[in-house]
Every structure is written in C-alpha cells, then in structure tokens.
Amino acid sequence: MTDSVLSVLVDGREPDTDALLPFTLANDGHFTAMQVRDRATRGIALHLRRMAAAHSRLYGTEIDAERVRSLMRKAVLGHADAYLRVSVTETAPGRPRILTVVRPPIEPDPRPVALVPVASPRVLPEIKHAGTFHQIQLARDAQAEGFDDALLVDPAGRIGESTIANIAFTRGSEVFWPDGPALEGITWQLLEPALGRYGFASRRAEVSLADLSGFPAAVLVNSIGVTPVARIGGREFTASAEAATTLGQIYRQIPADPI
C-alpha cells in the first residue's frame, strides 16, 4: 500500500493533536476499510451493520449509521477513487470519535501468494478491531520464512483466515468457506449469495490442514478483490489462478452503492 495520504479527518474536521491522540495512544477501537470508485463502494450497508455490531460489542453503546455515512461522504468528497478507512473509538460513554483516512486506490495484484500455517487465531476474530499488532507480526514472520502471509489456524486445527483476508477453497463448482475463527469479511458476505446465480454451490464447512489435498484451488478475498493462493506450506494449488479469475469476475458484477 502506498504511504500517500490524501485526507485525514476526525469527526469531519481537520484534526489537531488532541483529536488524534485517542487513535494513537491505544489500540482501542474498530474500523472498516473499502475501495471507493466514483464515490461508491460495494456493500455499504454491510460495512455500517458490522461497525454497529462491533461498537455495541466493544462499548455497549450505539453509533449513528447515518452520521458515519455522512462522514464517509465528506472524506471522499474530493477523491472519487480512493481507499477509505473508517476508524471508531470511544473516549466517553456514548460519544464515539470517528477517524476517516483516504489514500490512493489499490488495484488487485494477480500474483499468486504463498501462506504458512500458524496456530494463532486472532483475539475477538469476529471484530475488525484496532489491535492489529498480532496480525502484523505474524505476517512479518511469514515473510521472513519466504512466504507472503500467514494462515491462521485454531488449536483444533480448523482453518480460519489469513492476517488480512478470508480464504476460500474450490472444487469444481463448489466453494468452501472455512468455519474456523475468522472475521466475516464484506467481500465474503457479498460473494456468498452471488455465487449461486453463476452455478456455484457455496457452503461453510470445517476445513483443516489435513483436508487441503482435496481441493485444487484456494483464493483470498478482501476489499481489494480476489487473489490466487499458490501454496499453503508445502501443499500446492494448481487451479487457483483460474478460480481467482472466475470469482473476481463475479465480484466485479456486484453493483456498488453510492456512499
């Protein structure tokens, strides 16, 4: 990701140091991230619903979805195409602070990736929370071993997710989403119901490392798109590029929503 920053706002205003402190002094809060094209993104209602659920879980209070959406619109007002991250924390009960960061858009990288299995699922994996040190370090460790990222597996051996994406395995016209601990990503939520319209059977199922020999393809999915998986550990997937192309085409057919 480019380090260029196009816009930073807190509660819709250019922040001073005091406004930024709640987001920098503690890894407390939750966020969502999306690709914006022509000031629209896929799954806006899903983003807002997930943020509301996360806020309720973390703080026991509600956030105003329309306020969040209006701040998103303001953030991208001068940036029709962008990568938008919306972070939320709460410094006093019922008073959420909302940080929007706009960066240049990110295009999918078609290169297949290699994953190393790691028995270390995220804390509160159902929440896209700000405590990302664990994921960053696991990814760094994986790269030091010659892989692109880590594949997180729970103590029972169930596959969950990578450090930044959901994973799916395909076999013929079947798409399997592992039911191990994982964030229910927006791209996953969008693809799952769409696949049936294109002749695919989409299902959630327990998938362990021992099951990998039964799948010819694996892909990662997140807000950037669909990425083929070349191998997991020593297990290679020969059909991943084709699967990523097909699922990517389906994903791009899903209409975007104006922010």
Protein backbone atom coordinates (compact mmCIF):
# COMPACT_ATOMS: atom_id res chain seq x y z
CA MET A 1 0.00 0.00 0.00
CA THR A 2 1.22 3.47 -0.82
CA ASP A 3 2.13 5.70 2.10
CA SER A 4 0.46 8.70 0.44
CA VAL A 5 -2.40 10.17 2.47
CA LEU A 6 -4.97 12.31 0.69
CA SER A 7 -7.20 13.23 3.62
CA VAL A 8 -7.38 12.77 7.40
CA LEU A 9 -10.45 13.94 9.29
CA VAL A 10 -11.72 13.37 12.82
CA ASP A 11 -15.47 13.80 13.14
CA GLY A 12 -15.41 15.52 9.76
CA ARG A 13 -12.82 18.15 10.67
CA GLU A 14 -9.10 18.51 10.10
CA PRO A 15 -7.65 17.22 13.37
CA ASP A 16 -5.28 18.84 15.79
CA THR A 17 -3.01 16.78 18.03
CA ASP A 18 -5.63 16.38 20.75
CA ALA A 19 -8.16 14.99 18.28
CA LEU A 20 -5.69 12.38 17.02
CA LEU A 21 -4.49 11.22 20.44
CA PRO A 22 -7.34 8.74 21.13
CA PHE A 23 -6.42 6.90 17.92
CA THR A 24 -2.66 6.84 18.54
CA LEU A 25 -2.16 6.24 22.25
CA ALA A 26 -4.05 2.94 22.48
CA ASN A 27 -5.05 0.17 20.09
CA ASP A 28 -8.66 0.55 21.17
CA GLY A 29 -11.49 0.65 18.70
CA HIS A 30 -12.70 -0.88 15.48
CA PHE A 31 -12.59 0.00 11.80
CA THR A 32 -13.67 -0.88 8.32
CA ALA A 33 -11.88 -0.37 5.00
CA MET A 34 -13.10 -0.25 1.44
CA GLN A 35 -12.22 0.54 -2.13
CA VAL A 36 -14.12 3.55 -3.47
CA ARG A 37 -14.71 4.10 -7.17
CA ASP A 38 -16.69 7.09 -8.42
CA ARG A 39 -17.63 7.75 -4.76
CA ALA A 40 -19.30 4.33 -4.47
CA THR A 41 -18.37 1.07 -2.81
CA ARG A 42 -19.80 -2.43 -2.63
CA GLY A 43 -21.71 -3.48 0.46
CA ILE A 44 -22.07 -0.11 2.21
CA ALA A 45 -24.97 -1.42 4.31
CA LEU A 46 -22.85 -4.40 5.39
CA HIS A 47 -19.99 -2.12 6.42
CA LEU A 48 -22.31 0.02 8.53
CA ARG A 49 -24.03 -3.00 10.08
CA ARG A 50 -20.71 -4.58 11.02
CA MET A 51 -19.47 -1.33 12.56
CA ALA A 52 -22.66 -1.02 14.63
CA ALA A 53 -22.29 -4.59 15.90
CA ALA A 54 -18.61 -4.07 16.73
CA HIS A 55 -19.31 -0.84 18.59
CA SER A 56 -22.05 -2.46 20.64
CA ARG A 57 -19.78 -5.41 21.50
CA LEU A 58 -16.80 -3.24 22.49
CA TYR A 59 -18.51 -0.33 24.23
CA GLY A 60 -22.10 -1.37 24.87
CA THR A 61 -23.38 1.74 23.10
CA GLU A 62 -24.78 2.54 19.67
CA ILE A 63 -23.37 4.55 16.79
CA ASP A 64 -25.40 6.57 14.33
CA ALA A 65 -25.01 4.83 10.98
CA GLU A 66 -26.21 7.86 9.04
CA ARG A 67 -23.64 10.06 10.78
CA VAL A 68 -20.90 7.58 9.92
CA ARG A 69 -22.04 7.52 6.30
CA SER A 70 -22.15 11.30 6.08
CA LEU A 71 -18.59 11.49 7.40
CA MET A 72 -17.54 8.92 4.80
CA ARG A 73 -19.13 11.06 2.07
CA LYS A 74 -17.30 14.11 3.32
CA ALA A 75 -13.99 12.23 3.41
CA VAL A 76 -14.17 11.23 -0.26
CA LEU A 77 -15.76 14.47 -1.47
CA GLY A 78 -12.65 15.45 -3.40
CA HIS A 79 -11.45 11.90 -4.08
CA ALA A 80 -13.80 9.97 -6.36
CA ASP A 81 -11.46 6.95 -6.47
CA ALA A 82 -9.78 6.04 -3.20
CA TYR A 83 -9.00 3.60 -0.44
CA LEU A 84 -11.07 4.64 2.58
CA ARG A 85 -10.52 3.51 6.16
CA VAL A 86 -13.03 4.48 8.86
CA SER A 87 -11.86 4.00 12.46
CA VAL A 88 -14.05 4.40 15.54
CA THR A 89 -13.13 4.69 19.20
CA GLU A 90 -14.99 5.96 22.26
CA THR A 91 -13.43 8.23 24.85
CA ALA A 92 -16.63 8.75 26.86
CA PRO A 93 -19.76 6.59 27.04
CA GLY A 94 -22.00 7.24 24.07
CA ARG A 95 -19.56 9.67 22.42
CA PRO A 96 -17.84 7.87 19.55
CA ARG A 97 -14.97 9.58 17.71
CA ILE A 98 -14.65 8.79 14.01
CA LEU A 99 -11.42 8.98 12.03
CA THR A 100 -11.51 8.83 8.23
CA VAL A 101 -8.31 8.31 6.27
CA VAL A 102 -8.28 8.50 2.47
CA ARG A 103 -5.42 7.07 0.41
CA PRO A 104 -4.99 6.42 -3.30
CA PRO A 105 -6.99 3.45 -4.63
CA ILE A 106 -5.46 -0.02 -4.58
CA GLU A 107 -5.77 -2.35 -7.55
CA PRO A 108 -5.76 -6.16 -7.18
CA ASP A 109 -2.41 -7.92 -7.56
CA PRO A 110 -2.88 -11.05 -9.74
CA ARG A 111 0.29 -12.72 -8.46
CA PRO A 112 -0.39 -15.95 -6.51
CA VAL A 113 0.59 -15.89 -2.84
CA ALA A 114 2.15 -18.46 -0.52
CA LEU A 115 0.83 -18.91 3.02
CA VAL A 116 2.42 -20.54 6.05
CA PRO A 117 0.03 -22.12 8.57
CA VAL A 118 0.29 -20.66 12.08
CA ALA A 119 -1.61 -21.96 15.11
CA SER A 120 -2.52 -18.48 16.33
CA PRO A 121 -6.05 -17.15 15.65
CA ARG A 122 -6.84 -13.50 16.32
CA VAL A 123 -8.37 -12.30 19.57
CA LEU A 124 -12.05 -11.49 19.01
CA PRO A 125 -11.78 -12.58 15.37
CA GLU A 126 -15.41 -11.63 14.69
CA ILE A 127 -14.49 -7.94 15.13
CA LYS A 128 -12.36 -5.85 12.79
CA HIS A 129 -10.66 -4.23 15.76
CA ALA A 130 -7.68 -1.91 16.08
CA GLY A 131 -5.45 -4.42 17.88
CA THR A 132 -3.59 -5.47 14.74
CA PHE A 133 -0.05 -5.90 16.12
CA HIS A 134 -0.58 -9.65 16.33
CA GLN A 135 -1.51 -9.90 12.65
CA ILE A 136 1.30 -7.60 11.52
CA GLN A 137 3.92 -9.60 13.36
CA LEU A 138 2.62 -12.93 12.07
CA ALA A 139 2.81 -11.55 8.52
CA ARG A 140 6.36 -10.30 9.11
CA ASP A 141 7.39 -13.68 10.47
CA ALA A 142 5.83 -15.40 7.46
CA GLN A 143 7.69 -13.12 5.06
CA ALA A 144 10.96 -13.81 6.87
CA GLU A 145 10.36 -17.50 6.11
CA GLY A 146 9.83 -16.81 2.41
CA PHE A 147 6.01 -16.72 2.42
CA ASP A 148 3.67 -13.83 1.64
CA ASP A 149 1.41 -14.13 4.67
CA ALA A 150 0.28 -16.41 7.50
CA LEU A 151 -2.77 -18.66 7.50
CA LEU A 152 -4.34 -18.64 10.96
CA VAL A 153 -5.42 -21.99 12.38
CA ASP A 154 -7.10 -22.61 15.75
CA PRO A 155 -5.85 -25.13 18.36
CA ALA A 156 -8.22 -27.77 16.97
CA GLY A 157 -6.62 -27.42 13.53
CA ARG A 158 -9.50 -25.58 11.89
CA ILE A 159 -8.50 -23.06 9.22
CA GLY A 160 -9.81 -19.55 9.81
CA GLU A 161 -8.33 -16.69 7.78
CA SER A 162 -5.10 -15.04 6.70
CA THR A 163 -3.89 -11.97 8.60
CA ILE A 164 -5.76 -9.63 6.21
CA ALA A 165 -8.25 -11.70 4.21
CA ASN A 166 -10.75 -14.51 4.20
CA ILE A 167 -9.86 -17.72 2.41
CA ALA A 168 -11.99 -20.00 0.26
CA PHE A 169 -11.29 -23.37 -1.30
CA THR A 170 -12.84 -24.55 -4.55
CA ARG A 171 -13.51 -27.95 -6.07
CA GLY A 172 -15.35 -27.97 -9.37
CA SER A 173 -18.45 -25.81 -8.93
CA GLU A 174 -18.23 -25.92 -5.12
CA VAL A 175 -16.80 -23.10 -2.97
CA PHE A 176 -15.96 -23.88 0.65
CA TRP A 177 -15.56 -21.16 3.29
CA PRO A 178 -13.75 -22.48 6.40
CA ASP A 179 -15.74 -22.09 9.59
CA GLY A 180 -12.73 -21.62 11.87
CA PRO A 181 -12.32 -18.37 13.83
CA ALA A 182 -12.40 -15.51 11.33
CA LEU A 183 -13.79 -12.09 10.57
CA GLU A 184 -16.82 -12.31 8.31
CA GLY A 185 -15.39 -10.04 5.65
CA ILE A 186 -17.56 -7.83 3.45
CA THR A 187 -16.27 -9.37 0.22
CA TRP A 188 -17.10 -12.81 1.58
CA GLN A 189 -20.59 -11.65 2.55
CA LEU A 190 -21.12 -10.23 -0.93
CA LEU A 191 -19.75 -13.20 -2.85
CA GLU A 192 -21.52 -15.91 -0.87
CA PRO A 193 -25.06 -15.16 -2.07
CA ALA A 194 -23.88 -14.12 -5.54
CA LEU A 195 -22.18 -17.41 -6.35
CA GLY A 196 -25.44 -19.33 -6.70
CA ARG A 197 -26.50 -17.08 -9.57
CA TYR A 198 -23.47 -18.29 -11.52
CA GLY A 199 -23.90 -22.02 -10.92
CA PHE A 200 -21.71 -22.38 -7.84
CA ALA A 201 -22.64 -24.14 -4.61
CA SER A 202 -21.32 -22.02 -1.74
CA ARG A 203 -21.06 -23.56 1.72
CA ARG A 204 -19.42 -23.05 5.07
CA ALA A 205 -17.63 -26.09 6.40
CA GLU A 206 -14.87 -27.19 8.72
CA VAL A 207 -11.61 -27.29 6.77
CA SER A 208 -8.39 -28.46 8.38
CA LEU A 209 -4.85 -28.62 7.06
CA ALA A 210 -5.34 -32.36 6.57
CA ASP A 211 -8.18 -31.61 4.13
CA LEU A 212 -6.15 -29.48 1.72
CA SER A 213 -5.29 -32.35 -0.62
CA GLY A 214 -8.97 -32.48 -1.57
CA PHE A 215 -9.00 -29.00 -3.11
CA PRO A 216 -7.35 -27.98 -6.41
CA ALA A 217 -7.69 -24.25 -5.74
CA ALA A 218 -7.65 -21.67 -2.97
CA VAL A 219 -8.21 -17.91 -3.04
CA LEU A 220 -8.04 -14.99 -0.64
CA VAL A 221 -10.80 -12.38 -0.67
CA ASN A 222 -10.88 -8.92 0.87
CA SER A 223 -11.77 -5.36 -0.10
CA ILE A 224 -9.05 -5.29 -2.74
CA GLY A 225 -10.50 -8.29 -4.58
CA VAL A 226 -9.72 -11.96 -5.14
CA THR A 227 -6.14 -13.29 -5.01
CA PRO A 228 -4.99 -16.79 -6.01
CA VAL A 229 -3.15 -18.93 -3.45
CA ALA A 230 -0.19 -20.79 -4.92
CA ARG A 231 0.57 -22.89 -1.86
CA ILE A 232 -0.08 -23.38 1.82
CA GLY A 233 3.03 -24.69 3.50
CA GLY A 234 4.22 -27.40 1.11
CA ARG A 235 0.81 -28.02 -0.47
CA GLU A 236 0.49 -26.52 -3.96
CA PHE A 237 -2.77 -25.49 -5.64
CA THR A 238 -2.69 -25.81 -9.42
CA ALA A 239 -6.07 -24.29 -10.29
CA SER A 240 -6.04 -21.18 -8.10
CA ALA A 241 -5.38 -18.65 -10.87
CA GLU A 242 -8.43 -19.84 -12.82
CA ALA A 243 -10.60 -19.84 -9.69
CA ALA A 244 -9.46 -16.33 -8.75
CA THR A 245 -10.27 -15.06 -12.25
CA THR A 246 -13.76 -16.56 -12.14
CA LEU A 247 -14.61 -15.40 -8.61
CA GLY A 248 -13.09 -11.99 -9.34
CA GLN A 249 -15.35 -11.58 -12.35
CA ILE A 250 -18.38 -12.46 -10.24
CA TYR A 251 -17.32 -10.00 -7.56
CA ARG A 252 -16.95 -7.19 -10.07
CA GLN A 253 -20.51 -7.79 -11.29
CA ILE A 254 -21.87 -6.90 -7.83
CA PRO A 255 -23.20 -3.33 -8.02
CA ALA A 256 -21.55 -0.62 -5.93
CA ASP A 257 -23.55 1.63 -3.61
CA PRO A 258 -23.15 5.40 -3.55
CA ILE A 259 -21.55 6.43 -0.28
